[in-house]
Full PDB file with SEQRES, HELIX, SHEET, SSBOND, CRYST1, ORIGX, SCALE, CONECT and MASTER records, all heavy atoms in Angstrom:
SEQRES   1 A   39  GLN TRP SER GLU HIS GLY PRO VAL SER PRO LEU PRO LEU          
SEQRES   2 A   39  LEU GLY HIS PRO TRP VAL LEU LEU LEU GLY PRO ASP ALA          
SEQRES   3 A   39  CYS GLY ALA ALA LEU THR ASN GLY ASP LYS ALA PHE ALA          
HELIX    1 AA1 TRP A    2  HIS A    5  1                                   4    
HELIX    2 AA2 PRO A   24  THR A   32  1                                   9    
SHEET    1 AA1 2 VAL A   8  LEU A  13  0                                        
SHEET    2 AA1 2 HIS A  16  LEU A  21 -1                                        
CRYST1    1.000    1.000    1.000  90.00  90.00  90.00 P 1           1          
ORIGX1      1.000000  0.000000  0.000000        0.00000                         
ORIGX2      0.000000  1.000000  0.000000        0.00000                         
ORIGX3      0.000000  0.000000  1.000000        0.00000                         
SCALE1      1.000000  0.000000  0.000000        0.00000                         
SCALE2      0.000000  1.000000  0.000000        0.00000                         
SCALE3      0.000000  0.000000  1.000000        0.00000                         
ATOM      1  N   GLN A   1      72.652 183.479  79.446  1.00  0.00           N  
ATOM      2  CA  GLN A   1      72.992 184.781  80.092  1.00  0.00           C  
ATOM      3  C   GLN A   1      74.178 185.362  79.397  1.00  0.00           C  
ATOM      4  O   GLN A   1      74.211 186.624  79.121  1.00  0.00           O  
ATOM      5  CB  GLN A   1      73.230 184.578  81.629  1.00  0.00           C  
ATOM      6  CG  GLN A   1      71.992 184.183  82.385  1.00  0.00           C  
ATOM      7  CD  GLN A   1      71.009 185.305  82.669  1.00  0.00           C  
ATOM      8  OE1 GLN A   1      69.833 185.272  82.414  1.00  0.00           O  
ATOM      9  NE2 GLN A   1      71.599 186.375  83.240  1.00  0.00           N  
ATOM     10  N   TRP A   2      75.123 184.564  79.084  1.00  0.00           N  
ATOM     11  CA  TRP A   2      76.376 185.113  78.479  1.00  0.00           C  
ATOM     12  C   TRP A   2      76.072 185.689  77.052  1.00  0.00           C  
ATOM     13  O   TRP A   2      76.539 186.759  76.683  1.00  0.00           O  
ATOM     14  CB  TRP A   2      77.430 184.013  78.407  1.00  0.00           C  
ATOM     15  CG  TRP A   2      78.690 184.364  77.684  1.00  0.00           C  
ATOM     16  CD1 TRP A   2      79.020 184.149  76.410  1.00  0.00           C  
ATOM     17  CD2 TRP A   2      79.856 185.032  78.262  1.00  0.00           C  
ATOM     18  NE1 TRP A   2      80.269 184.622  76.093  1.00  0.00           N  
ATOM     19  CE2 TRP A   2      80.784 185.204  77.248  1.00  0.00           C  
ATOM     20  CE3 TRP A   2      80.124 185.525  79.547  1.00  0.00           C  
ATOM     21  CZ2 TRP A   2      81.978 185.780  77.410  1.00  0.00           C  
ATOM     22  CZ3 TRP A   2      81.291 186.191  79.769  1.00  0.00           C  
ATOM     23  CH2 TRP A   2      82.287 186.279  78.734  1.00  0.00           C  
ATOM     24  N   SER A   3      75.306 184.914  76.322  1.00  0.00           N  
ATOM     25  CA  SER A   3      74.974 185.362  74.948  1.00  0.00           C  
ATOM     26  C   SER A   3      74.068 186.580  74.893  1.00  0.00           C  
ATOM     27  O   SER A   3      74.220 187.428  74.017  1.00  0.00           O  
ATOM     28  CB  SER A   3      74.374 184.258  74.091  1.00  0.00           C  
ATOM     29  OG  SER A   3      73.106 183.892  74.677  1.00  0.00           O  
ATOM     30  N   GLU A   4      73.241 186.726  75.845  1.00  0.00           N  
ATOM     31  CA  GLU A   4      72.274 187.872  75.900  1.00  0.00           C  
ATOM     32  C   GLU A   4      72.848 189.096  76.585  1.00  0.00           C  
ATOM     33  O   GLU A   4      72.499 190.207  76.254  1.00  0.00           O  
ATOM     34  CB  GLU A   4      70.944 187.425  76.564  1.00  0.00           C  
ATOM     35  CG  GLU A   4      70.189 186.355  75.772  1.00  0.00           C  
ATOM     36  CD  GLU A   4      68.952 185.882  76.500  1.00  0.00           C  
ATOM     37  OE1 GLU A   4      68.664 186.412  77.549  1.00  0.00           O  
ATOM     38  OE2 GLU A   4      68.369 184.893  75.948  1.00  0.00           O  
ATOM     39  N   HIS A   5      73.682 188.882  77.668  1.00  0.00           N  
ATOM     40  CA  HIS A   5      74.047 190.053  78.529  1.00  0.00           C  
ATOM     41  C   HIS A   5      75.558 190.107  78.699  1.00  0.00           C  
ATOM     42  O   HIS A   5      75.977 191.192  79.202  1.00  0.00           O  
ATOM     43  CB  HIS A   5      73.408 189.908  79.856  1.00  0.00           C  
ATOM     44  CG  HIS A   5      71.912 189.886  79.827  1.00  0.00           C  
ATOM     45  ND1 HIS A   5      71.145 191.012  79.438  1.00  0.00           N  
ATOM     46  CD2 HIS A   5      70.984 188.959  80.198  1.00  0.00           C  
ATOM     47  CE1 HIS A   5      69.858 190.712  79.487  1.00  0.00           C  
ATOM     48  NE2 HIS A   5      69.737 189.456  79.918  1.00  0.00           N  
ATOM     49  N   GLY A   6      76.241 189.138  78.390  1.00  0.00           N  
ATOM     50  CA  GLY A   6      77.725 189.173  78.706  1.00  0.00           C  
ATOM     51  C   GLY A   6      78.114 188.775  80.120  1.00  0.00           C  
ATOM     52  O   GLY A   6      77.383 188.038  80.727  1.00  0.00           O  
ATOM     53  N   PRO A   7      79.251 189.343  80.631  1.00  0.00           N  
ATOM     54  CA  PRO A   7      79.738 188.796  81.865  1.00  0.00           C  
ATOM     55  C   PRO A   7      79.007 189.283  83.121  1.00  0.00           C  
ATOM     56  O   PRO A   7      79.209 188.655  84.235  1.00  0.00           O  
ATOM     57  CB  PRO A   7      81.147 189.379  81.869  1.00  0.00           C  
ATOM     58  CG  PRO A   7      81.189 190.553  81.002  1.00  0.00           C  
ATOM     59  CD  PRO A   7      80.178 190.243  79.955  1.00  0.00           C  
ATOM     60  N   VAL A   8      78.214 190.300  83.088  1.00  0.00           N  
ATOM     61  CA  VAL A   8      77.474 190.831  84.285  1.00  0.00           C  
ATOM     62  C   VAL A   8      75.980 191.047  83.938  1.00  0.00           C  
ATOM     63  O   VAL A   8      75.696 191.774  83.016  1.00  0.00           O  
ATOM     64  CB  VAL A   8      78.118 192.215  84.769  1.00  0.00           C  
ATOM     65  CG1 VAL A   8      77.412 192.587  86.045  1.00  0.00           C  
ATOM     66  CG2 VAL A   8      79.584 192.111  84.936  1.00  0.00           C  
ATOM     67  N   SER A   9      75.198 190.266  84.646  1.00  0.00           N  
ATOM     68  CA  SER A   9      73.756 190.343  84.318  1.00  0.00           C  
ATOM     69  C   SER A   9      72.846 190.032  85.479  1.00  0.00           C  
ATOM     70  O   SER A   9      73.292 189.353  86.435  1.00  0.00           O  
ATOM     71  CB  SER A   9      73.383 189.287  83.241  1.00  0.00           C  
ATOM     72  OG  SER A   9      73.635 187.961  83.633  1.00  0.00           O  
ATOM     73  N   PRO A  10      71.674 190.515  85.557  1.00  0.00           N  
ATOM     74  CA  PRO A  10      70.707 190.308  86.569  1.00  0.00           C  
ATOM     75  C   PRO A  10      70.145 188.906  86.454  1.00  0.00           C  
ATOM     76  O   PRO A  10      69.958 188.386  85.333  1.00  0.00           O  
ATOM     77  CB  PRO A  10      69.642 191.360  86.384  1.00  0.00           C  
ATOM     78  CG  PRO A  10      69.718 191.653  84.964  1.00  0.00           C  
ATOM     79  CD  PRO A  10      71.101 191.482  84.506  1.00  0.00           C  
ATOM     80  N   LEU A  11      69.917 188.253  87.529  1.00  0.00           N  
ATOM     81  CA  LEU A  11      69.358 186.873  87.495  1.00  0.00           C  
ATOM     82  C   LEU A  11      68.529 186.567  88.768  1.00  0.00           C  
ATOM     83  O   LEU A  11      69.090 186.444  89.910  1.00  0.00           O  
ATOM     84  CB  LEU A  11      70.551 185.879  87.493  1.00  0.00           C  
ATOM     85  CG  LEU A  11      70.117 184.376  87.357  1.00  0.00           C  
ATOM     86  CD1 LEU A  11      69.449 184.114  85.942  1.00  0.00           C  
ATOM     87  CD2 LEU A  11      71.306 183.416  87.546  1.00  0.00           C  
ATOM     88  N   PRO A  12      67.306 186.598  88.630  1.00  0.00           N  
ATOM     89  CA  PRO A  12      66.403 186.337  89.849  1.00  0.00           C  
ATOM     90  C   PRO A  12      66.472 184.899  90.307  1.00  0.00           C  
ATOM     91  O   PRO A  12      66.172 183.986  89.523  1.00  0.00           O  
ATOM     92  CB  PRO A  12      65.019 186.678  89.354  1.00  0.00           C  
ATOM     93  CG  PRO A  12      65.048 186.573  87.885  1.00  0.00           C  
ATOM     94  CD  PRO A  12      66.481 186.815  87.458  1.00  0.00           C  
ATOM     95  N   LEU A  13      66.906 184.681  91.583  1.00  0.00           N  
ATOM     96  CA  LEU A  13      66.957 183.330  92.122  1.00  0.00           C  
ATOM     97  C   LEU A  13      66.418 183.357  93.571  1.00  0.00           C  
ATOM     98  O   LEU A  13      66.700 184.293  94.271  1.00  0.00           O  
ATOM     99  CB  LEU A  13      68.390 182.949  92.194  1.00  0.00           C  
ATOM    100  CG  LEU A  13      69.202 182.600  90.907  1.00  0.00           C  
ATOM    101  CD1 LEU A  13      70.663 182.454  91.130  1.00  0.00           C  
ATOM    102  CD2 LEU A  13      68.665 181.403  90.188  1.00  0.00           C  
ATOM    103  N   LEU A  14      65.754 182.318  93.940  1.00  0.00           N  
ATOM    104  CA  LEU A  14      65.341 182.151  95.266  1.00  0.00           C  
ATOM    105  C   LEU A  14      64.727 183.363  95.968  1.00  0.00           C  
ATOM    106  O   LEU A  14      64.983 183.695  97.122  1.00  0.00           O  
ATOM    107  CB  LEU A  14      66.597 181.652  96.197  1.00  0.00           C  
ATOM    108  CG  LEU A  14      67.160 180.315  95.785  1.00  0.00           C  
ATOM    109  CD1 LEU A  14      68.421 180.067  96.516  1.00  0.00           C  
ATOM    110  CD2 LEU A  14      66.173 179.134  96.024  1.00  0.00           C  
ATOM    111  N   GLY A  15      63.874 184.106  95.121  1.00  0.00           N  
ATOM    112  CA  GLY A  15      63.113 185.214  95.650  1.00  0.00           C  
ATOM    113  C   GLY A  15      63.916 186.471  95.839  1.00  0.00           C  
ATOM    114  O   GLY A  15      63.400 187.372  96.482  1.00  0.00           O  
ATOM    115  N   HIS A  16      65.126 186.570  95.193  1.00  0.00           N  
ATOM    116  CA  HIS A  16      65.959 187.753  95.319  1.00  0.00           C  
ATOM    117  C   HIS A  16      66.478 188.145  93.958  1.00  0.00           C  
ATOM    118  O   HIS A  16      66.752 187.238  93.099  1.00  0.00           O  
ATOM    119  CB  HIS A  16      67.125 187.568  96.268  1.00  0.00           C  
ATOM    120  CG  HIS A  16      66.746 187.564  97.716  1.00  0.00           C  
ATOM    121  ND1 HIS A  16      66.536 188.664  98.494  1.00  0.00           N  
ATOM    122  CD2 HIS A  16      66.405 186.500  98.583  1.00  0.00           C  
ATOM    123  CE1 HIS A  16      66.177 188.334  99.678  1.00  0.00           C  
ATOM    124  NE2 HIS A  16      66.049 187.046  99.760  1.00  0.00           N  
ATOM    125  N   PRO A  17      66.767 189.378  93.686  1.00  0.00           N  
ATOM    126  CA  PRO A  17      67.343 189.848  92.457  1.00  0.00           C  
ATOM    127  C   PRO A  17      68.894 189.722  92.486  1.00  0.00           C  
ATOM    128  O   PRO A  17      69.563 190.695  92.855  1.00  0.00           O  
ATOM    129  CB  PRO A  17      66.948 191.350  92.371  1.00  0.00           C  
ATOM    130  CG  PRO A  17      66.828 191.787  93.771  1.00  0.00           C  
ATOM    131  CD  PRO A  17      66.339 190.572  94.520  1.00  0.00           C  
ATOM    132  N   TRP A  18      69.390 188.544  92.109  1.00  0.00           N  
ATOM    133  CA  TRP A  18      70.846 188.301  92.154  1.00  0.00           C  
ATOM    134  C   TRP A  18      71.470 188.938  90.904  1.00  0.00           C  
ATOM    135  O   TRP A  18      70.881 189.322  89.934  1.00  0.00           O  
ATOM    136  CB  TRP A  18      71.091 186.828  92.098  1.00  0.00           C  
ATOM    137  CG  TRP A  18      70.741 186.083  93.384  1.00  0.00           C  
ATOM    138  CD1 TRP A  18      69.462 185.947  93.925  1.00  0.00           C  
ATOM    139  CD2 TRP A  18      71.664 185.427  94.265  1.00  0.00           C  
ATOM    140  NE1 TRP A  18      69.558 185.234  95.118  1.00  0.00           N  
ATOM    141  CE2 TRP A  18      70.907 184.970  95.318  1.00  0.00           C  
ATOM    142  CE3 TRP A  18      73.010 185.179  94.302  1.00  0.00           C  
ATOM    143  CZ2 TRP A  18      71.425 184.122  96.343  1.00  0.00           C  
ATOM    144  CZ3 TRP A  18      73.608 184.495  95.282  1.00  0.00           C  
ATOM    145  CH2 TRP A  18      72.789 184.003  96.351  1.00  0.00           C  
ATOM    146  N   VAL A  19      72.838 189.042  91.000  1.00  0.00           N  
ATOM    147  CA  VAL A  19      73.641 189.385  89.779  1.00  0.00           C  
ATOM    148  C   VAL A  19      74.575 188.200  89.512  1.00  0.00           C  
ATOM    149  O   VAL A  19      75.150 187.632  90.433  1.00  0.00           O  
ATOM    150  CB  VAL A  19      74.541 190.637  90.158  1.00  0.00           C  
ATOM    151  CG1 VAL A  19      75.494 190.919  89.014  1.00  0.00           C  
ATOM    152  CG2 VAL A  19      73.655 191.824  90.326  1.00  0.00           C  
ATOM    153  N   LEU A  20      74.616 187.848  88.271  1.00  0.00           N  
ATOM    154  CA  LEU A  20      75.435 186.713  87.832  1.00  0.00           C  
ATOM    155  C   LEU A  20      76.718 187.210  87.193  1.00  0.00           C  
ATOM    156  O   LEU A  20      76.661 188.120  86.293  1.00  0.00           O  
ATOM    157  CB  LEU A  20      74.639 185.815  86.846  1.00  0.00           C  
ATOM    158  CG  LEU A  20      75.413 184.677  86.249  1.00  0.00           C  
ATOM    159  CD1 LEU A  20      75.757 183.624  87.285  1.00  0.00           C  
ATOM    160  CD2 LEU A  20      74.542 184.017  85.143  1.00  0.00           C  
ATOM    161  N   LEU A  21      77.862 186.657  87.597  1.00  0.00           N  
ATOM    162  CA  LEU A  21      79.152 187.062  87.034  1.00  0.00           C  
ATOM    163  C   LEU A  21      79.666 185.818  86.225  1.00  0.00           C  
ATOM    164  O   LEU A  21      79.827 184.739  86.874  1.00  0.00           O  
ATOM    165  CB  LEU A  21      80.133 187.472  88.093  1.00  0.00           C  
ATOM    166  CG  LEU A  21      79.778 188.658  88.957  1.00  0.00           C  
ATOM    167  CD1 LEU A  21      80.850 189.013  89.964  1.00  0.00           C  
ATOM    168  CD2 LEU A  21      79.384 189.854  88.095  1.00  0.00           C  
ATOM    169  N   LEU A  22      80.016 186.030  84.979  1.00  0.00           N  
ATOM    170  CA  LEU A  22      80.488 184.904  84.130  1.00  0.00           C  
ATOM    171  C   LEU A  22      81.775 185.324  83.530  1.00  0.00           C  
ATOM    172  O   LEU A  22      82.035 186.554  83.170  1.00  0.00           O  
ATOM    173  CB  LEU A  22      79.444 184.570  83.054  1.00  0.00           C  
ATOM    174  CG  LEU A  22      78.102 184.023  83.459  1.00  0.00           C  
ATOM    175  CD1 LEU A  22      77.164 184.006  82.308  1.00  0.00           C  
ATOM    176  CD2 LEU A  22      78.265 182.647  84.118  1.00  0.00           C  
ATOM    177  N   GLY A  23      82.651 184.346  83.234  1.00  0.00           N  
ATOM    178  CA  GLY A  23      83.885 184.621  82.577  1.00  0.00           C  
ATOM    179  C   GLY A  23      85.012 184.925  83.613  1.00  0.00           C  
ATOM    180  O   GLY A  23      84.759 185.425  84.729  1.00  0.00           O  
ATOM    181  N   PRO A  24      86.251 184.674  83.232  1.00  0.00           N  
ATOM    182  CA  PRO A  24      87.351 184.783  84.258  1.00  0.00           C  
ATOM    183  C   PRO A  24      87.582 186.281  84.631  1.00  0.00           C  
ATOM    184  O   PRO A  24      88.012 186.501  85.853  1.00  0.00           O  
ATOM    185  CB  PRO A  24      88.586 184.281  83.473  1.00  0.00           C  
ATOM    186  CG  PRO A  24      88.234 184.345  82.020  1.00  0.00           C  
ATOM    187  CD  PRO A  24      86.716 184.131  81.942  1.00  0.00           C  
ATOM    188  N   ASP A  25      87.376 187.233  83.857  1.00  0.00           N  
ATOM    189  CA  ASP A  25      87.544 188.605  84.199  1.00  0.00           C  
ATOM    190  C   ASP A  25      86.511 189.011  85.360  1.00  0.00           C  
ATOM    191  O   ASP A  25      86.930 189.631  86.425  1.00  0.00           O  
ATOM    192  CB  ASP A  25      87.394 189.545  83.081  1.00  0.00           C  
ATOM    193  CG  ASP A  25      88.512 189.465  82.043  1.00  0.00           C  
ATOM    194  OD1 ASP A  25      89.706 189.424  82.496  1.00  0.00           O  
ATOM    195  OD2 ASP A  25      88.326 189.417  80.910  1.00  0.00           O  
ATOM    196  N   ALA A  26      85.300 188.716  85.154  1.00  0.00           N  
ATOM    197  CA  ALA A  26      84.241 189.135  86.161  1.00  0.00           C  
ATOM    198  C   ALA A  26      84.414 188.253  87.417  1.00  0.00           C  
ATOM    199  O   ALA A  26      84.313 188.840  88.470  1.00  0.00           O  
ATOM    200  CB  ALA A  26      82.853 188.954  85.540  1.00  0.00           C  
ATOM    201  N   CYS A  27      84.593 186.983  87.249  1.00  0.00           N  
ATOM    202  CA  CYS A  27      84.773 186.163  88.415  1.00  0.00           C  
ATOM    203  C   CYS A  27      86.005 186.550  89.229  1.00  0.00           C  
ATOM    204  O   CYS A  27      85.929 186.615  90.397  1.00  0.00           O  
ATOM    205  CB  CYS A  27      84.854 184.657  88.053  1.00  0.00           C  
ATOM    206  SG  CYS A  27      83.276 183.989  87.351  1.00  0.00           S  
ATOM    207  N   GLY A  28      87.039 186.833  88.542  1.00  0.00           N  
ATOM    208  CA  GLY A  28      88.274 187.179  89.232  1.00  0.00           C  
ATOM    209  C   GLY A  28      88.131 188.545  89.941  1.00  0.00           C  
ATOM    210  O   GLY A  28      88.661 188.631  91.055  1.00  0.00           O  
ATOM    211  N   ALA A  29      87.369 189.445  89.395  1.00  0.00           N  
ATOM    212  CA  ALA A  29      87.169 190.755  90.064  1.00  0.00           C  
ATOM    213  C   ALA A  29      86.495 190.562  91.402  1.00  0.00           C  
ATOM    214  O   ALA A  29      86.832 191.200  92.381  1.00  0.00           O  
ATOM    215  CB  ALA A  29      86.386 191.616  89.154  1.00  0.00           C  
ATOM    216  N   ALA A  30      85.482 189.672  91.408  1.00  0.00           N  
ATOM    217  CA  ALA A  30      84.725 189.416  92.678  1.00  0.00           C  
ATOM    218  C   ALA A  30      85.537 188.673  93.684  1.00  0.00           C  
ATOM    219  O   ALA A  30      85.570 189.006  94.864  1.00  0.00           O  
ATOM    220  CB  ALA A  30      83.391 188.722  92.337  1.00  0.00           C  
ATOM    221  N   LEU A  31      86.234 187.659  93.236  1.00  0.00           N  
ATOM    222  CA  LEU A  31      86.948 186.758  94.154  1.00  0.00           C  
ATOM    223  C   LEU A  31      88.203 187.359  94.726  1.00  0.00           C  
ATOM    224  O   LEU A  31      88.589 187.167  95.856  1.00  0.00           O  
ATOM    225  CB  LEU A  31      87.266 185.405  93.491  1.00  0.00           C  
ATOM    226  CG  LEU A  31      86.018 184.614  93.089  1.00  0.00           C  
ATOM    227  CD1 LEU A  31      86.422 183.180  92.521  1.00  0.00           C  
ATOM    228  CD2 LEU A  31      85.063 184.392  94.192  1.00  0.00           C  
ATOM    229  N   THR A  32      88.903 188.164  93.888  1.00  0.00           N  
ATOM    230  CA  THR A  32      90.080 188.891  94.453  1.00  0.00           C  
ATOM    231  C   THR A  32      89.665 190.097  95.289  1.00  0.00           C  
ATOM    232  O   THR A  32      90.371 190.541  96.119  1.00  0.00           O  
ATOM    233  CB  THR A  32      91.050 189.238  93.312  1.00  0.00           C  
ATOM    234  OG1 THR A  32      90.305 190.061  92.367  1.00  0.00           O  
ATOM    235  CG2 THR A  32      91.645 188.094  92.668  1.00  0.00           C  
ATOM    236  N   ASN A  33      88.484 190.630  94.908  1.00  0.00           N  
ATOM    237  CA  ASN A  33      87.842 191.656  95.806  1.00  0.00           C  
ATOM    238  C   ASN A  33      88.714 192.779  96.192  1.00  0.00           C  
ATOM    239  O   ASN A  33      88.864 193.145  97.387  1.00  0.00           O  
ATOM    240  CB  ASN A  33      87.302 190.897  97.041  1.00  0.00           C  
ATOM    241  CG  ASN A  33      86.209 191.707  97.765  1.00  0.00           C  
ATOM    242  OD1 ASN A  33      85.607 192.593  97.312  1.00  0.00           O  
ATOM    243  ND2 ASN A  33      85.972 191.293  99.045  1.00  0.00           N  
ATOM    244  N   GLY A  34      89.260 193.446  95.183  1.00  0.00           N  
ATOM    245  CA  GLY A  34      90.225 194.520  95.455  1.00  0.00           C  
ATOM    246  C   GLY A  34      89.668 195.689  96.220  1.00  0.00           C  
ATOM    247  O   GLY A  34      90.420 196.284  97.095  1.00  0.00           O  
ATOM    248  N   ASP A  35      88.378 196.018  96.035  1.00  0.00           N  
ATOM    249  CA  ASP A  35      87.829 197.202  96.786  1.00  0.00           C  
ATOM    250  C   ASP A  35      87.032 196.799  97.979  1.00  0.00           C  
ATOM    251  O   ASP A  35      86.296 197.565  98.596  1.00  0.00           O  
ATOM    252  CB  ASP A  35      86.942 198.057  95.872  1.00  0.00           C  
ATOM    253  CG  ASP A  35      85.760 197.313  95.253  1.00  0.00           C  
ATOM    254  OD1 ASP A  35      85.648 196.109  95.546  1.00  0.00           O  
ATOM    255  OD2 ASP A  35      84.926 198.041  94.689  1.00  0.00           O  
ATOM    256  N   LYS A  36      87.117 195.494  98.379  1.00  0.00           N  
ATOM    257  CA  LYS A  36      86.395 194.934  99.567  1.00  0.00           C  
ATOM    258  C   LYS A  36      84.973 195.215  99.537  1.00  0.00           C  
ATOM    259  O   LYS A  36      84.332 195.543 100.569  1.00  0.00           O  
ATOM    260  CB  LYS A  36      87.102 195.508 100.860  1.00  0.00           C  
ATOM    261  CG  LYS A  36      88.487 194.960 101.034  1.00  0.00           C  
ATOM    262  CD  LYS A  36      89.040 195.479 102.402  1.00  0.00           C  
ATOM    263  CE  LYS A  36      90.381 194.756 102.706  1.00  0.00           C  
ATOM    264  NZ  LYS A  36      91.385 194.894 101.640  1.00  0.00           N  
ATOM    265  N   ALA A  37      84.333 195.079  98.374  1.00  0.00           N  
ATOM    266  CA  ALA A  37      82.910 195.375  98.204  1.00  0.00           C  
ATOM    267  C   ALA A  37      82.096 194.036  98.322  1.00  0.00           C  
ATOM    268  O   ALA A  37      80.943 194.117  98.596  1.00  0.00           O  
ATOM    269  CB  ALA A  37      82.656 195.954  96.836  1.00  0.00           C  
ATOM    270  N   PHE A  38      82.765 192.859  98.201  1.00  0.00           N  
ATOM    271  CA  PHE A  38      82.055 191.604  98.152  1.00  0.00           C  
ATOM    272  C   PHE A  38      82.340 190.915  99.464  1.00  0.00           C  
ATOM    273  O   PHE A  38      83.468 190.641  99.861  1.00  0.00           O  
ATOM    274  CB  PHE A  38      82.556 190.693  96.987  1.00  0.00           C  
ATOM    275  CG  PHE A  38      82.222 191.329  95.685  1.00  0.00           C  
ATOM    276  CD1 PHE A  38      83.150 192.098  94.996  1.00  0.00           C  
ATOM    277  CD2 PHE A  38      81.018 191.114  95.053  1.00  0.00           C  
ATOM    278  CE1 PHE A  38      82.893 192.692  93.784  1.00  0.00           C  
ATOM    279  CE2 PHE A  38      80.722 191.648  93.798  1.00  0.00           C  
ATOM    280  CZ  PHE A  38      81.651 192.405  93.138  1.00  0.00           C  
ATOM    281  N   ALA A  39      81.249 190.469 100.127  1.00  0.00           N  
ATOM    282  CA  ALA A  39      81.385 189.754 101.472  1.00  0.00           C  
ATOM    283  C   ALA A  39      80.827 188.368 101.298  1.00  0.00           C  
ATOM    284  O   ALA A  39      79.827 188.175 100.602  1.00  0.00           O  
ATOM    285  CB  ALA A  39      80.655 190.526 102.487  1.00  0.00           C  
TER     286      ALA A  39                                                      
MASTER        0    0    0    2    2    0    0    6  285    1    0    3          
END                                                                             
């Protein structure tokens, strides 16, 4: 996923269209959740 799409990419899992976040910048953005978009 990283080599083909980079840090943000679609990934179908368990019957849903998930988004995969890779690398410290993308993971940090979601976990620190500055705009309170991630629950």
